[in-house]
Amino acid sequence: MIDLTALADQHLEGARTDPHGRSAELVAHDGELRQTVIALVAGSRLGEHNSPPGATLQVLRGRVRVESDDVQAEPAAGELWVLTHERHSVVALEDSVFLLTTVTNVDRGTYA
């Protein structure tokens, strides 16, 4: 069993001491399913990247902004966002931790 509260604490502490303001860990990998805990300090960013075939972002702590050409969403703690199928970036509006769930396509590779 995975204790998301403990992982959120651990990775937020790690992000606060990381020069890039982030910390992450792959916590579940089962076939095409991957789940990653990602912590970002306020103002830090995951640069623009391709969207996987299927993905959700569940904010465990804080608030983030998901930015793309067509969509800007600001999910907060307790909210689940279904990511669109376009390139996007993620910026932390405050110290934040989220669970990124992705589905990979075996024919097209991993997109997380």
Protein backbone atom coordinates (compact mmCIF):
# COMPACT_ATOMS: atom_id res chain seq x y z
CA MET A 1 0.00 0.00 0.00
CA ILE A 2 1.20 3.50 -0.83
CA ASP A 3 0.86 6.29 1.74
CA LEU A 4 0.27 9.36 -0.45
CA THR A 5 0.29 11.71 2.53
CA ALA A 6 3.77 10.55 3.57
CA LEU A 7 5.01 10.71 -0.03
CA ALA A 8 3.61 14.23 -0.42
CA ASP A 9 5.49 15.33 2.73
CA GLN A 10 8.70 13.65 1.58
CA HIS A 11 8.67 15.06 -1.94
CA LEU A 12 7.61 18.55 -0.94
CA GLU A 13 10.57 18.64 1.45
CA GLY A 14 12.79 17.37 -1.36
CA ALA A 15 11.47 19.98 -3.79
CA ARG A 16 12.21 22.75 -1.30
CA THR A 17 15.90 21.77 -1.28
CA ASP A 18 16.18 20.95 -5.00
CA PRO A 19 17.80 23.67 -7.16
CA HIS A 20 14.97 23.31 -9.71
CA GLY A 21 12.25 23.26 -7.04
CA ARG A 22 10.87 19.82 -7.83
CA SER A 23 10.90 16.21 -6.71
CA ALA A 24 9.19 13.17 -8.21
CA GLU A 25 8.83 9.42 -7.82
CA LEU A 26 7.18 6.74 -9.93
CA VAL A 27 4.98 4.97 -7.37
CA ALA A 28 3.02 2.53 -9.52
CA HIS A 29 3.82 0.90 -12.85
CA ASP A 30 1.57 -1.87 -14.06
CA GLY A 31 1.58 -2.54 -17.78
CA GLU A 32 0.39 0.62 -19.49
CA LEU A 33 -0.52 2.36 -16.21
CA ARG A 34 1.96 4.68 -14.50
CA GLN A 35 1.40 6.87 -11.43
CA THR A 36 3.93 9.47 -10.36
CA VAL A 37 3.97 11.76 -7.33
CA ILE A 38 5.37 15.17 -8.31
CA ALA A 39 6.12 18.05 -5.95
CA LEU A 40 6.80 21.59 -7.14
CA VAL A 41 7.60 24.65 -5.05
CA ALA A 42 5.71 27.85 -5.83
CA GLY A 43 6.84 29.31 -9.14
CA SER A 44 8.57 26.18 -10.43
CA ARG A 45 7.47 24.62 -13.68
CA LEU A 46 7.42 21.44 -15.68
CA GLY A 47 8.24 22.68 -19.16
CA GLU A 48 6.03 22.09 -22.16
CA HIS A 49 5.73 18.43 -23.05
CA ASN A 50 3.55 16.10 -25.12
CA SER A 51 0.41 14.82 -23.55
CA PRO A 52 0.10 11.06 -23.09
CA PRO A 53 -2.80 9.17 -24.68
CA GLY A 54 -4.64 9.22 -21.35
CA ALA A 55 -3.77 11.15 -18.21
CA THR A 56 -5.17 12.72 -15.08
CA LEU A 57 -3.62 15.09 -12.59
CA GLN A 58 -4.93 14.90 -9.02
CA VAL A 59 -3.73 17.69 -6.76
CA LEU A 60 -2.90 16.42 -3.28
CA ARG A 61 -1.64 19.76 -1.90
CA GLY A 62 -1.52 23.31 -3.14
CA ARG A 63 -2.61 24.67 -6.52
CA VAL A 64 -1.12 24.32 -10.00
CA ARG A 65 -1.84 25.75 -13.43
CA VAL A 66 -1.97 23.47 -16.47
CA GLU A 67 -1.20 25.62 -19.53
CA SER A 68 -1.66 24.84 -23.21
CA ASP A 69 -2.56 26.85 -26.30
CA ASP A 70 -6.28 26.31 -25.83
CA VAL A 71 -6.77 25.53 -22.13
CA GLN A 72 -5.68 26.92 -18.80
CA ALA A 73 -6.87 25.12 -15.70
CA GLU A 74 -5.99 25.75 -12.07
CA PRO A 75 -6.79 22.58 -10.12
CA ALA A 76 -6.36 22.82 -6.35
CA ALA A 77 -6.00 20.27 -3.55
CA GLY A 78 -8.66 17.61 -3.83
CA GLU A 79 -9.42 18.26 -7.49
CA LEU A 80 -8.86 15.91 -10.42
CA TRP A 81 -8.11 17.26 -13.88
CA VAL A 82 -8.34 15.12 -17.03
CA LEU A 83 -5.49 16.34 -19.22
CA THR A 84 -6.21 17.25 -22.82
CA HIS A 85 -4.37 15.60 -25.70
CA GLU A 86 -2.17 18.57 -26.49
CA ARG A 87 1.22 19.87 -25.44
CA HIS A 88 1.10 21.54 -22.06
CA SER A 89 3.18 22.72 -19.13
CA VAL A 90 2.49 22.76 -15.39
CA VAL A 91 3.40 25.62 -13.04
CA ALA A 92 3.01 25.61 -9.26
CA LEU A 93 1.00 28.60 -8.04
CA GLU A 94 1.92 27.62 -4.48
CA ASP A 95 3.95 24.75 -3.00
CA SER A 96 2.13 21.77 -4.51
CA VAL A 97 2.08 18.00 -4.81
CA PHE A 98 0.08 16.08 -7.38
CA LEU A 99 -0.45 12.53 -8.54
CA LEU A 100 -0.01 12.16 -12.29
CA THR A 101 -1.69 9.06 -13.69
CA THR A 102 -0.83 8.15 -17.28
CA VAL A 103 -1.60 5.39 -19.70
CA THR A 104 1.09 4.54 -22.21
CA ASN A 105 0.56 3.24 -25.67
CA VAL A 106 2.81 0.25 -26.31
CA ASP A 107 2.96 1.06 -30.04
CA ARG A 108 3.88 4.72 -29.50
CA GLY A 109 6.08 4.53 -26.38
CA THR A 110 5.84 6.20 -22.99
CA TYR A 111 4.62 9.79 -22.72
CA ALA A 112 4.88 10.59 -19.01
